[in-house]
Amino acid sequence: MASENDKQTNAPGMDAQESLLPADVHDIAEEGSDMTRDIFFAIIKETQDGPSRPKSLPDQSEILHEDIGKASDIAQPGGFRREHVITNLPGNSPNVPSYAQDSFLDSIQPTSILESTYGDFIVASLGLADDDESDELGDSTPLLTRAWKRRPEKHKPGATVGKTVFTILKSFIGSGILFLPRGFANGGMLFSLVALCSSAAMSTFCMLRLTSCSNVLLREPGHTNVSYGLVGEKAFGKIGRVAVNISLVLSQVGFCCSYLIFVEKNIGEVILAAFNIQRTGASSSLTLILLQIILYTPLSWVRRIEYFALTNLFADLLILFGIVYIISYTVHTLGDVPAGTATWENFNSTSWGMMLGTAVFCFEGIGLVLPIYDAMGDKIKHKFPRILSTTMMFLVSLFCVFAGLVYAAFGENTQSVVTLNLPSAQDSGATMAVQITYSIALVFTYPLMLYPVVKILEGYMFPHRSQKGFWRWEKNGFRFALVCLTAAISYYGKEELDNFVAIIGGFCSVPLAFIYPCLFHSKIVDDGHALNNIVIAIGAFTMIFATYQAIATWN
């Protein structure tokens, strides 16, 4: 009998890697291996296709007819079954079931996770496609670029109702919920509940105003998707787009700064507890912020947003874990509070204005409403107002319960960062776990928040490519400077975090959330002027008063 080494003989001219078979990495004798054998074979085949095709040669695998697809799609695991479902839809329905939209290999790719959320926002909405990949020209670069070089491989059906709801939830649940309890302390229980519900109602109204503008523009020739900036440009010319970009940059920078402050405070507490040392004042805070610069700088250099797919999903899970633990601990604390010893109040006459800014800060996802709406299937777009309203009702209920419970439990002692109200990390391992996990979640979220800022400002700073080799490093230097700017702002705003959040919400977020949508709607749709003017007036008052009180009470 031949030896084991003789069983696998390579063909002439082929090395070991080229002749690799599924059996070499996947033993058919193992339990259940026959079910996954085709998957291993398909993955190995994808990595052994030989030299890459030069870009100057035509792609023979292009889709010539979208209703047929290409043979390589059928060759993948489950391909025949998927093609049968697509070509035999009942009643010639154009809606392909979600389970048949992508192949199994496509569905397990990390990019598909982020594509459903931030990918549409970055690329489709803002037009922020990566332009650094073509810095270096090589032999495979075509001399004449084709207009269709970025054409998608195949048309994908619109998002379902479930996917739309999930994306809306992901867009609005972030760090803002952690600053709400302190906002309740600034405004008082009853006033804060009214302010938060009013902010949610106005945000929903304004988001629907934006979708109305989108419907008008989509009826014009040449528009396949509509961004917030495009709506502003159609309403007021270039000044409208610039105004949207300025507000977007300011709000995103503010979010990044709040992440830096949150991580500094929580990781500082963890380090003090772990090493049993005392905080030395400003020097330790400065050190923690400088260390974050070292951490965030390489992340800001990442050119392609899909690389953050898995980290974004992981961050969402960590945020969910932190919220669940904080609610459970707060409920337990409320049960131990003696009757009649509550320290909270219904209205705080000294700092209620800051709650207005905090209420707007929490609903930070208005920039995503247009790409979410455009991504929906045409057959269900008429359901978007009901979907959005229902989802926003759930969100505001979650925010009210979370912030109300924490404020009722800790009263006037509610901290600007709610995790600091938990037991000391030195005494509780669960507290340390929450502080670490939430900090990690915000570290992973920081580059996503900074990405729109980077791409918008780079469009103004680097409109034309400079000398080969230096252009990318100039951008790297600019991104490093942006990270340093957020760190500097964070250092000077860390002691007054609730005031800082109120300024971000009042001055930076109110125009995006309340003022611009109604202005653009009055100009483009030319309807509902009375309601638009009322919302604009409320937004202007909130912007001015919340910003003024936050600055006036700054120590």
Protein backbone atom coordinates (compact mmCIF):
# COMPACT_ATOMS: atom_id res chain seq x y z
CA MET A 1 0.00 0.00 0.00
CA ALA A 2 1.28 3.44 -0.82
CA SER A 3 2.41 5.63 1.98
CA GLU A 4 0.47 8.68 3.09
CA ASN A 5 3.00 10.95 1.37
CA ASP A 6 2.39 9.22 -1.96
CA LYS A 7 -1.36 9.68 -1.90
CA GLN A 8 -1.22 13.34 -2.83
CA THR A 9 0.95 13.73 -5.93
CA ASN A 10 1.13 17.12 -7.51
CA ALA A 11 0.66 17.58 -11.22
CA PRO A 12 3.67 18.79 -13.19
CA GLY A 13 4.18 22.52 -12.93
CA MET A 14 1.92 22.89 -9.88
CA ASP A 15 3.09 23.61 -6.37
CA ALA A 16 1.52 22.31 -3.19
CA GLN A 17 -0.72 25.32 -2.73
CA GLU A 18 -2.14 25.12 -6.26
CA SER A 19 -3.05 21.44 -5.85
CA LEU A 20 -4.70 21.89 -2.45
CA LEU A 21 -7.87 19.84 -2.13
CA PRO A 22 -10.73 20.16 0.36
CA ALA A 23 -9.70 16.84 1.88
CA ASP A 24 -6.35 18.37 2.88
CA VAL A 25 -8.05 20.79 5.26
CA HIS A 26 -11.39 19.08 5.85
CA ASP A 27 -11.44 15.36 6.64
CA ILE A 28 -14.51 13.69 5.14
CA ALA A 29 -14.38 11.10 7.93
CA GLU A 30 -15.22 13.70 10.58
CA GLU A 31 -18.77 13.87 11.89
CA GLY A 32 -20.96 16.19 9.84
CA SER A 33 -18.14 17.05 7.44
CA ASP A 34 -20.11 16.04 4.35
CA MET A 35 -22.57 18.89 5.02
CA THR A 36 -19.87 21.59 4.95
CA ARG A 37 -17.51 20.04 2.39
CA ASP A 38 -18.84 22.17 -0.49
CA ILE A 39 -18.29 25.34 1.53
CA PHE A 40 -14.62 24.52 2.08
CA PHE A 41 -14.26 23.66 -1.59
CA ALA A 42 -15.82 26.95 -2.71
CA ILE A 43 -13.65 29.04 -0.38
CA ILE A 44 -10.47 27.25 -1.49
CA LYS A 45 -11.44 27.70 -5.14
CA GLU A 46 -11.90 31.44 -4.66
CA THR A 47 -8.36 31.75 -3.28
CA GLN A 48 -6.77 29.62 -6.04
CA ASP A 49 -7.96 31.29 -9.19
CA GLY A 50 -4.45 32.22 -10.25
CA PRO A 51 -3.18 35.70 -11.16
CA SER A 52 -5.66 38.52 -10.91
CA ARG A 53 -7.18 39.83 -14.12
CA PRO A 54 -5.57 43.08 -15.36
CA LYS A 55 -8.05 45.92 -15.28
CA SER A 56 -7.37 46.67 -18.95
CA LEU A 57 -8.91 43.31 -19.96
CA PRO A 58 -12.68 42.74 -19.99
CA ASP A 59 -14.28 40.83 -17.15
CA GLN A 60 -15.73 37.68 -18.66
CA SER A 61 -17.79 37.07 -15.51
CA GLU A 62 -19.89 40.21 -15.94
CA ILE A 63 -23.64 39.86 -15.70
CA LEU A 64 -25.06 40.27 -19.19
CA HIS A 65 -28.69 39.80 -18.12
CA GLU A 66 -29.74 40.61 -14.55
CA ASP A 67 -32.61 38.11 -14.65
CA ILE A 68 -30.22 35.27 -15.49
CA GLY A 69 -27.11 36.08 -13.45
CA LYS A 70 -23.87 34.23 -14.12
CA ALA A 71 -22.80 30.63 -13.92
CA SER A 72 -20.45 31.20 -10.97
CA ASP A 73 -23.46 32.11 -8.83
CA ILE A 74 -25.01 28.70 -9.44
CA ALA A 75 -21.69 26.96 -8.76
CA GLN A 76 -21.69 28.16 -5.15
CA PRO A 77 -23.25 26.12 -2.32
CA GLY A 78 -27.03 26.23 -2.64
CA GLY A 79 -26.79 27.99 -6.01
CA PHE A 80 -29.29 25.82 -7.92
CA ARG A 81 -31.86 26.10 -5.15
CA ARG A 82 -31.43 29.87 -4.91
CA GLU A 83 -31.72 30.40 -8.67
CA HIS A 84 -34.82 28.20 -8.75
CA VAL A 85 -36.49 30.36 -6.06
CA ILE A 86 -35.60 33.58 -7.89
CA THR A 87 -36.77 32.43 -11.32
CA ASN A 88 -40.02 30.92 -10.03
CA LEU A 89 -41.40 33.68 -7.83
CA PRO A 90 -45.19 33.49 -7.50
CA GLY A 91 -47.10 35.91 -9.69
CA ASN A 92 -43.93 37.36 -11.24
CA SER A 93 -43.29 39.19 -7.98
CA PRO A 94 -40.17 41.42 -8.05
CA ASN A 95 -39.58 40.92 -4.31
CA VAL A 96 -36.97 38.24 -3.76
CA PRO A 97 -37.10 36.57 -0.31
CA SER A 98 -34.26 37.63 1.98
CA TYR A 99 -32.95 34.08 2.27
CA ALA A 100 -32.39 33.97 -1.52
CA GLN A 101 -30.90 37.42 -2.04
CA ASP A 102 -27.28 36.50 -1.38
CA SER A 103 -25.29 33.31 -1.56
CA PHE A 104 -24.17 31.66 1.65
CA LEU A 105 -20.58 32.75 1.05
CA ASP A 106 -21.70 36.36 0.57
CA SER A 107 -23.83 36.29 3.72
CA ILE A 108 -20.91 35.30 5.96
CA GLN A 109 -18.68 38.09 4.68
CA PRO A 110 -18.11 40.89 7.25
CA THR A 111 -18.99 43.59 4.73
CA SER A 112 -22.61 42.44 4.53
CA ILE A 113 -23.09 43.28 8.21
CA LEU A 114 -22.02 46.91 7.95
CA GLU A 115 -23.45 47.42 4.46
CA SER A 116 -26.95 47.20 5.89
CA THR A 117 -26.33 50.08 8.28
CA TYR A 118 -23.44 52.52 7.92
CA GLY A 119 -22.41 51.52 4.41
CA ASP A 120 -25.44 53.12 2.79
CA PHE A 121 -25.00 56.25 4.92
CA ILE A 122 -21.35 56.73 4.05
CA VAL A 123 -21.38 55.81 0.37
CA ALA A 124 -24.90 56.34 -0.90
CA SER A 125 -26.01 59.23 1.27
CA LEU A 126 -22.89 61.32 1.62
CA GLY A 127 -21.15 60.15 -1.53
CA LEU A 128 -18.05 59.36 0.48
CA ALA A 129 -16.67 56.49 -1.58
CA ASP A 130 -13.04 55.75 -0.90
CA ASP A 131 -10.68 57.43 -3.33
CA ASP A 132 -7.33 56.43 -1.87
CA GLU A 133 -7.21 52.94 -3.32
CA SER A 134 -6.14 54.32 -6.71
CA ASP A 135 -3.20 56.34 -5.46
CA GLU A 136 -0.62 54.01 -6.93
CA LEU A 137 -0.75 53.38 -10.69
CA GLY A 138 0.45 49.99 -11.85
CA ASP A 139 0.54 47.68 -14.86
CA SER A 140 -2.98 46.46 -14.17
CA THR A 141 -4.48 49.98 -14.19
CA PRO A 142 -6.44 50.73 -17.41
CA LEU A 143 -5.38 53.76 -19.40
CA LEU A 144 -9.01 54.71 -19.99
CA THR A 145 -11.34 54.38 -17.04
CA ARG A 146 -14.84 53.16 -17.68
CA ALA A 147 -17.89 55.01 -16.47
CA TRP A 148 -19.38 51.77 -15.21
CA LYS A 149 -16.37 50.62 -13.22
CA ARG A 150 -18.26 51.04 -9.94
CA ARG A 151 -21.43 49.43 -11.23
CA PRO A 152 -22.78 46.91 -8.73
CA GLU A 153 -22.45 43.28 -9.65
CA LYS A 154 -26.15 42.66 -9.37
CA HIS A 155 -29.25 44.50 -8.33
CA LYS A 156 -30.23 43.84 -4.75
CA PRO A 157 -33.85 44.08 -3.65
CA GLY A 158 -34.88 46.66 -1.09
CA ALA A 159 -34.72 46.22 2.66
CA THR A 160 -37.60 44.49 4.41
CA VAL A 161 -39.65 45.92 7.28
CA GLY A 162 -37.63 44.00 9.86
CA LYS A 163 -34.32 45.14 8.45
CA THR A 164 -35.54 48.75 8.36
CA VAL A 165 -36.62 48.64 12.01
CA PHE A 166 -33.30 47.09 13.03
CA THR A 167 -31.33 49.76 11.18
CA ILE A 168 -33.34 52.58 12.77
CA LEU A 169 -32.73 51.13 16.23
CA LYS A 170 -29.00 50.86 15.56
CA SER A 171 -28.93 54.45 14.33
CA PHE A 172 -30.43 55.95 17.49
CA ILE A 173 -29.13 53.77 20.33
CA GLY A 174 -25.61 54.88 21.16
CA SER A 175 -23.80 56.82 23.83
CA GLY A 176 -26.54 59.44 24.21
CA ILE A 177 -28.64 57.22 26.44
CA LEU A 178 -25.88 57.22 29.08
CA PHE A 179 -26.01 61.02 29.40
CA LEU A 180 -29.81 61.15 29.76
CA PRO A 181 -29.99 60.49 33.54
CA ARG A 182 -27.88 63.58 34.23
CA GLY A 183 -30.12 65.47 31.82
CA PHE A 184 -33.10 64.41 33.94
CA ALA A 185 -31.29 65.77 36.99
CA ASN A 186 -30.78 69.08 35.19
CA GLY A 187 -34.41 69.36 34.09
CA GLY A 188 -36.37 67.49 36.73
CA MET A 189 -38.40 64.32 36.31
CA LEU A 190 -41.67 65.66 34.90
CA PHE A 191 -40.13 68.36 32.72
CA SER A 192 -37.55 65.94 31.31
CA LEU A 193 -40.20 63.38 30.38
CA VAL A 194 -42.17 66.06 28.53
CA ALA A 195 -39.03 67.43 26.85
CA LEU A 196 -37.84 64.00 25.73
CA CYS A 197 -41.22 62.99 24.31
CA SER A 198 -41.54 66.36 22.56
CA SER A 199 -38.06 65.98 21.07
CA ALA A 200 -38.95 62.50 19.78
CA ALA A 201 -42.20 63.76 18.23
CA MET A 202 -40.49 66.70 16.53
CA SER A 203 -37.63 64.51 15.31
CA THR A 204 -40.11 62.08 13.76
CA PHE A 205 -42.00 64.94 12.13
CA CYS A 206 -38.80 66.40 10.66
CA MET A 207 -37.55 63.03 9.41
CA LEU A 208 -40.80 62.55 7.54
CA ARG A 209 -40.35 66.05 6.10
CA LEU A 210 -36.99 64.93 4.72
CA THR A 211 -38.51 61.85 3.11
CA SER A 212 -41.13 64.07 1.46
CA CYS A 213 -38.31 66.14 -0.03
CA SER A 214 -36.64 62.94 -1.17
CA ASN A 215 -39.79 61.79 -2.97
CA VAL A 216 -39.94 65.06 -4.90
CA LEU A 217 -36.29 64.86 -5.96
CA LEU A 218 -36.51 61.18 -6.92
CA ARG A 219 -39.19 62.06 -9.45
CA GLU A 220 -36.67 64.28 -11.23
CA PRO A 221 -34.49 62.62 -13.89
CA GLY A 222 -30.96 61.67 -12.88
CA HIS A 223 -31.60 61.05 -9.17
CA THR A 224 -31.37 57.44 -8.00
CA ASN A 225 -30.73 58.24 -4.32
CA VAL A 226 -30.97 61.43 -2.30
CA SER A 227 -28.66 62.64 0.45
CA TYR A 228 -29.21 65.27 3.12
CA GLY A 229 -26.67 67.52 1.42
CA LEU A 230 -28.38 67.15 -1.95
CA VAL A 231 -31.70 68.19 -0.42
CA GLY A 232 -30.02 71.29 0.99
CA GLU A 233 -28.40 72.09 -2.34
CA LYS A 234 -31.67 71.73 -4.24
CA ALA A 235 -33.39 74.03 -1.75
CA PHE A 236 -30.83 76.81 -1.31
CA GLY A 237 -27.97 76.07 -3.68
CA LYS A 238 -24.43 75.40 -2.54
CA ILE A 239 -24.97 77.32 0.69
CA GLY A 240 -27.58 74.73 1.67
CA ARG A 241 -25.15 71.84 1.21
CA VAL A 242 -22.39 73.72 3.03
CA ALA A 243 -24.72 74.46 5.97
CA VAL A 244 -25.63 70.77 6.25
CA ASN A 245 -21.97 69.73 6.07
CA ILE A 246 -20.93 72.26 8.73
CA SER A 247 -23.62 71.10 11.16
CA LEU A 248 -22.81 67.47 10.44
CA VAL A 249 -19.09 68.02 11.05
CA LEU A 250 -19.71 69.90 14.30
CA SER A 251 -22.14 67.31 15.66
CA GLN A 252 -19.94 64.34 14.71
CA VAL A 253 -16.87 65.98 16.27
CA GLY A 254 -18.94 66.57 19.40
CA PHE A 255 -19.94 62.91 19.54
CA CYS A 256 -16.29 61.88 19.19
CA CYS A 257 -15.28 64.21 22.02
CA SER A 258 -17.97 62.79 24.29
CA TYR A 259 -16.61 59.30 23.57
CA LEU A 260 -13.11 60.42 24.57
CA ILE A 261 -14.39 61.87 27.84
CA PHE A 262 -16.45 58.79 28.63
CA VAL A 263 -13.52 56.44 28.04
CA GLU A 264 -11.18 58.65 30.08
CA LYS A 265 -13.49 58.69 33.09
CA ASN A 266 -14.35 54.98 33.06
CA ILE A 267 -10.94 53.55 32.22
CA GLY A 268 -9.47 55.90 34.80
CA GLU A 269 -11.72 54.39 37.46
CA VAL A 270 -10.80 50.87 36.33
CA ILE A 271 -7.07 51.60 36.51
CA LEU A 272 -7.42 53.15 39.96
CA ALA A 273 -9.31 50.10 41.19
CA ALA A 274 -7.04 47.54 39.54
CA PHE A 275 -3.79 49.02 40.86
CA ASN A 276 -5.20 50.56 44.06
CA ILE A 277 -3.76 54.01 43.34
CA GLN A 278 -5.07 57.54 43.77
CA ARG A 279 -5.91 59.89 40.93
CA THR A 280 -3.34 62.71 40.72
CA GLY A 281 -5.65 65.27 39.12
CA ALA A 282 -5.21 66.79 35.69
CA SER A 283 -2.03 64.87 34.90
CA SER A 284 -3.72 61.46 34.97
CA SER A 285 -6.62 62.70 32.83
CA LEU A 286 -4.21 64.18 30.31
CA THR A 287 -2.28 60.91 30.16
CA LEU A 288 -5.40 58.87 29.47
CA ILE A 289 -6.49 61.25 26.71
CA LEU A 290 -3.02 61.19 25.12
CA LEU A 291 -3.08 57.40 25.16
CA GLN A 292 -6.37 57.50 23.30
CA ILE A 293 -4.73 59.60 20.58
CA ILE A 294 -2.26 56.76 20.05
CA LEU A 295 -5.17 54.32 19.85
CA TYR A 296 -7.47 56.31 17.56
CA THR A 297 -4.88 57.58 15.08
CA PRO A 298 -4.31 54.23 13.30
CA LEU A 299 -8.07 53.64 13.29
CA SER A 300 -8.63 56.98 11.58
CA TRP A 301 -6.19 55.97 8.83
CA VAL A 302 -8.41 53.08 7.74
CA ARG A 303 -9.68 53.90 4.24
CA ARG A 304 -12.52 51.42 3.87
CA ILE A 305 -15.43 51.53 6.29
CA GLU A 306 -16.34 47.85 5.83
CA TYR A 307 -13.25 46.92 7.85
CA PHE A 308 -15.20 48.08 10.92
CA ALA A 309 -18.05 45.65 10.26
CA LEU A 310 -17.30 43.06 12.93
CA THR A 311 -16.11 45.64 15.47
CA ASN A 312 -19.33 47.60 14.97
CA LEU A 313 -21.43 44.51 15.61
CA PHE A 314 -19.35 43.68 18.68
CA ALA A 315 -19.76 47.25 19.98
CA ASP A 316 -23.55 47.01 19.67
CA LEU A 317 -23.56 43.83 21.74
CA LEU A 318 -21.40 45.48 24.42
CA ILE A 319 -23.71 48.50 24.58
CA LEU A 320 -26.72 46.22 25.00
CA PHE A 321 -24.96 44.36 27.82
CA GLY A 322 -24.18 47.64 29.61
CA ILE A 323 -27.75 48.95 29.35
CA VAL A 324 -29.25 45.72 30.69
CA TYR A 325 -26.88 45.64 33.67
CA ILE A 326 -27.43 49.31 34.56
CA ILE A 327 -31.22 48.87 34.49
CA SER A 328 -31.08 45.74 36.64
CA TYR A 329 -28.78 47.40 39.20
CA THR A 330 -30.96 50.52 39.30
CA VAL A 331 -34.12 48.51 39.93
CA HIS A 332 -32.34 46.69 42.77
CA THR A 333 -31.19 50.03 44.22
CA LEU A 334 -34.70 51.47 44.10
CA GLY A 335 -35.97 48.53 46.12
CA ASP A 336 -33.52 49.37 48.92
CA VAL A 337 -34.40 53.09 49.10
CA PRO A 338 -36.57 53.84 52.18
CA ALA A 339 -39.95 55.39 51.46
CA GLY A 340 -40.05 59.18 51.58
CA THR A 341 -36.29 59.66 51.12
CA ALA A 342 -36.27 60.41 47.39
CA THR A 343 -34.05 63.33 46.37
CA TRP A 344 -35.40 63.95 42.87
CA GLU A 345 -37.70 66.78 41.82
CA ASN A 346 -40.19 67.36 39.02
CA PHE A 347 -38.69 70.63 37.76
CA ASN A 348 -35.22 72.10 38.21
CA SER A 349 -35.52 75.84 37.75
CA THR A 350 -31.76 76.46 37.65
CA SER A 351 -30.61 74.22 34.77
CA TRP A 352 -33.68 73.02 32.86
CA GLY A 353 -32.42 74.55 29.62
CA MET A 354 -29.56 72.05 29.41
CA MET A 355 -32.07 69.19 29.29
CA LEU A 356 -33.35 70.60 26.00
CA GLY A 357 -29.94 70.14 24.38
CA THR A 358 -29.50 66.69 25.92
CA ALA A 359 -32.91 65.58 24.60
CA VAL A 360 -31.87 66.47 21.06
CA PHE A 361 -28.43 64.87 21.54
CA CYS A 362 -30.05 61.47 22.20
CA PHE A 363 -31.76 61.33 18.81
CA GLU A 364 -28.56 61.50 16.81
CA GLY A 365 -29.59 59.37 13.83
CA ILE A 366 -31.46 61.87 11.65
CA GLY A 367 -28.60 61.85 9.14
CA LEU A 368 -29.37 58.19 8.43
CA VAL A 369 -33.08 58.55 7.70
CA LEU A 370 -32.71 59.20 3.96
CA PRO A 371 -30.43 56.24 3.17
CA ILE A 372 -32.65 54.01 5.32
CA TYR A 373 -35.69 55.20 3.39
CA ASP A 374 -33.99 54.83 0.00
CA ALA A 375 -32.84 51.31 0.89
CA MET A 376 -36.41 50.10 1.45
CA GLY A 377 -38.24 48.10 -1.18
CA ASP A 378 -40.54 50.15 -3.39
CA LYS A 379 -43.50 47.99 -2.41
CA ILE A 380 -43.21 48.88 1.29
CA LYS A 381 -42.01 52.50 1.19
CA HIS A 382 -45.53 53.70 1.87
CA LYS A 383 -45.25 51.98 5.27
CA PHE A 384 -42.21 54.03 6.31
CA PRO A 385 -44.13 56.71 8.30
CA ARG A 386 -45.81 54.02 10.39
CA ILE A 387 -42.57 52.05 10.78
CA LEU A 388 -40.65 55.15 11.84
CA SER A 389 -43.35 56.35 14.24
CA THR A 390 -43.68 52.96 15.93
CA THR A 391 -39.92 52.55 16.27
CA MET A 392 -39.52 56.06 17.69
CA MET A 393 -42.26 55.36 20.25
CA PHE A 394 -40.35 52.30 21.39
CA LEU A 395 -37.09 54.28 21.57
CA VAL A 396 -38.53 57.15 23.59
CA SER A 397 -40.16 54.64 25.96
CA LEU A 398 -36.79 52.93 26.45
CA PHE A 399 -35.05 56.26 27.03
CA CYS A 400 -37.68 57.46 29.51
CA VAL A 401 -37.63 54.22 31.50
CA PHE A 402 -33.83 54.08 31.59
CA ALA A 403 -33.22 57.72 32.54
CA GLY A 404 -36.23 57.91 34.87
CA LEU A 405 -35.18 54.84 36.85
CA VAL A 406 -31.58 56.01 37.23
CA TYR A 407 -32.62 59.53 38.28
CA ALA A 408 -35.21 58.16 40.73
CA ALA A 409 -32.58 55.90 42.27
CA PHE A 410 -29.76 58.45 42.66
CA GLY A 411 -31.58 61.79 42.58
CA GLU A 412 -29.37 64.86 42.78
CA ASN A 413 -26.30 62.62 43.02
CA THR A 414 -26.76 61.36 39.45
CA GLN A 415 -23.40 61.63 37.68
CA SER A 416 -22.79 63.01 34.19
CA VAL A 417 -21.67 59.50 33.18
CA VAL A 418 -24.17 57.03 34.61
CA THR A 419 -21.60 54.24 35.02
CA LEU A 420 -19.97 56.30 37.77
CA ASN A 421 -23.11 55.78 39.89
CA LEU A 422 -22.48 52.05 39.95
CA PRO A 423 -20.55 50.51 42.86
CA SER A 424 -16.82 51.14 42.84
CA ALA A 425 -14.92 49.01 40.36
CA GLN A 426 -12.65 48.07 43.26
CA ASP A 427 -15.60 46.48 45.08
CA SER A 428 -17.58 45.10 42.16
CA GLY A 429 -16.28 43.02 39.30
CA ALA A 430 -19.55 43.55 37.42
CA THR A 431 -19.06 47.32 37.52
CA MET A 432 -15.54 46.96 36.21
CA ALA A 433 -16.83 44.72 33.41
CA VAL A 434 -19.50 47.25 32.40
CA GLN A 435 -17.04 50.15 32.41
CA ILE A 436 -14.54 48.20 30.33
CA THR A 437 -17.06 46.81 27.85
CA TYR A 438 -18.82 50.14 27.29
CA SER A 439 -15.46 51.87 26.84
CA ILE A 440 -14.41 49.25 24.29
CA ALA A 441 -17.72 49.76 22.48
CA LEU A 442 -17.11 53.51 22.18
CA VAL A 443 -13.51 52.94 21.08
CA PHE A 444 -14.84 50.84 18.21
CA THR A 445 -17.54 53.42 17.43
CA TYR A 446 -15.18 56.43 17.41
CA PRO A 447 -13.74 55.84 13.90
CA LEU A 448 -17.26 55.43 12.48
CA MET A 449 -18.30 58.78 13.96
CA LEU A 450 -15.14 60.48 12.69
CA TYR A 451 -15.34 58.96 9.20
CA PRO A 452 -17.95 61.40 7.77
CA VAL A 453 -15.99 64.34 9.20
CA VAL A 454 -12.79 63.10 7.59
CA LYS A 455 -14.32 62.56 4.17
CA ILE A 456 -16.23 65.86 4.11
CA LEU A 457 -13.25 67.96 5.18
CA GLU A 458 -10.85 66.09 2.90
CA GLY A 459 -13.13 66.99 0.01
CA TYR A 460 -12.41 70.65 0.74
CA MET A 461 -8.78 70.28 1.84
CA PHE A 462 -7.61 67.92 -0.91
CA PRO A 463 -9.76 68.55 -3.99
CA HIS A 464 -6.96 67.49 -6.33
CA ARG A 465 -4.35 64.78 -5.98
CA SER A 466 -0.83 66.04 -5.33
CA GLN A 467 2.48 64.33 -6.07
CA LYS A 468 2.35 60.54 -6.10
CA GLY A 469 3.24 58.97 -2.75
CA PHE A 470 2.74 62.11 -0.66
CA TRP A 471 -0.98 62.58 -1.18
CA ARG A 472 -1.95 59.75 1.14
CA TRP A 473 0.49 60.82 3.84
CA GLU A 474 -0.85 64.36 3.68
CA LYS A 475 -4.28 62.91 4.38
CA ASN A 476 -2.87 60.78 7.20
CA GLY A 477 -1.40 63.90 8.77
CA PHE A 478 -4.71 65.70 8.45
CA ARG A 479 -6.55 62.81 10.11
CA PHE A 480 -4.01 62.75 12.93
CA ALA A 481 -4.63 66.48 13.43
CA LEU A 482 -8.39 65.84 13.64
CA VAL A 483 -7.88 63.20 16.33
CA CYS A 484 -5.67 65.63 18.27
CA LEU A 485 -8.35 68.32 17.93
CA THR A 486 -11.02 66.06 19.43
CA ALA A 487 -8.62 65.15 22.23
CA ALA A 488 -7.90 68.82 23.00
CA ILE A 489 -11.60 69.70 23.08
CA SER A 490 -12.26 66.69 25.31
CA TYR A 491 -9.57 67.71 27.78
CA TYR A 492 -11.08 71.16 28.30
CA GLY A 493 -14.67 69.86 28.39
CA LYS A 494 -14.24 66.79 30.60
CA GLU A 495 -15.07 68.51 33.89
CA GLU A 496 -18.42 69.83 32.58
CA LEU A 497 -19.62 66.89 30.52
CA ASP A 498 -23.33 67.59 30.95
CA ASN A 499 -22.80 71.19 29.78
CA PHE A 500 -20.70 69.92 26.89
CA VAL A 501 -23.41 67.46 25.81
CA ALA A 502 -26.02 70.24 26.01
CA ILE A 503 -23.92 72.43 23.71
CA ILE A 504 -23.50 69.62 21.18
CA GLY A 505 -27.22 68.90 21.22
CA GLY A 506 -28.33 72.53 21.23
CA PHE A 507 -25.88 74.28 18.93
CA CYS A 508 -24.77 71.43 16.62
CA SER A 509 -27.65 68.95 16.44
CA VAL A 510 -30.74 71.19 16.57
CA PRO A 511 -30.19 72.65 13.06
CA LEU A 512 -29.85 69.15 11.58
CA ALA A 513 -32.79 67.74 13.52
CA PHE A 514 -35.36 70.57 13.48
CA ILE A 515 -34.44 73.65 11.45
CA TYR A 516 -33.02 72.39 8.14
CA PRO A 517 -35.69 69.74 7.39
CA CYS A 518 -38.54 72.24 7.74
CA LEU A 519 -36.71 74.93 5.76
CA PHE A 520 -35.96 72.50 2.95
CA HIS A 521 -39.52 71.14 2.96
CA SER A 522 -41.03 74.62 2.65
CA LYS A 523 -38.76 75.35 -0.31
CA ILE A 524 -38.96 72.03 -2.20
CA VAL A 525 -42.43 70.67 -1.40
CA ASP A 526 -43.97 74.14 -0.89
CA ASP A 527 -46.57 72.88 1.56
CA GLY A 528 -47.26 72.91 5.30
CA HIS A 529 -45.62 76.28 5.90
CA ALA A 530 -47.45 76.96 9.19
CA LEU A 531 -46.28 73.74 10.88
CA ASN A 532 -42.80 74.18 9.46
CA ASN A 533 -42.54 77.71 10.84
CA ILE A 534 -43.66 76.54 14.30
CA VAL A 535 -41.03 73.80 14.40
CA ILE A 536 -38.36 76.19 13.12
CA ALA A 537 -39.23 78.69 15.87
CA ILE A 538 -39.09 75.98 18.56
CA GLY A 539 -35.79 74.75 17.16
CA ALA A 540 -34.28 78.23 17.11
CA PHE A 541 -35.36 78.84 20.72
CA THR A 542 -33.95 75.48 21.83
CA MET A 543 -30.68 76.11 20.02
CA ILE A 544 -30.17 79.58 21.51
CA PHE A 545 -31.40 78.97 25.06
CA ALA A 546 -29.79 75.54 25.58
CA THR A 547 -26.45 76.81 24.30
CA TYR A 548 -26.66 79.98 26.39
CA GLN A 549 -27.49 78.19 29.63
CA ALA A 550 -24.80 75.55 29.07
CA ILE A 551 -22.18 78.26 28.57
CA ALA A 552 -23.51 80.45 31.41
CA THR A 553 -23.35 77.60 33.96
CA TRP A 554 -19.91 76.42 32.83
CA ASN A 555 -17.53 76.61 35.77
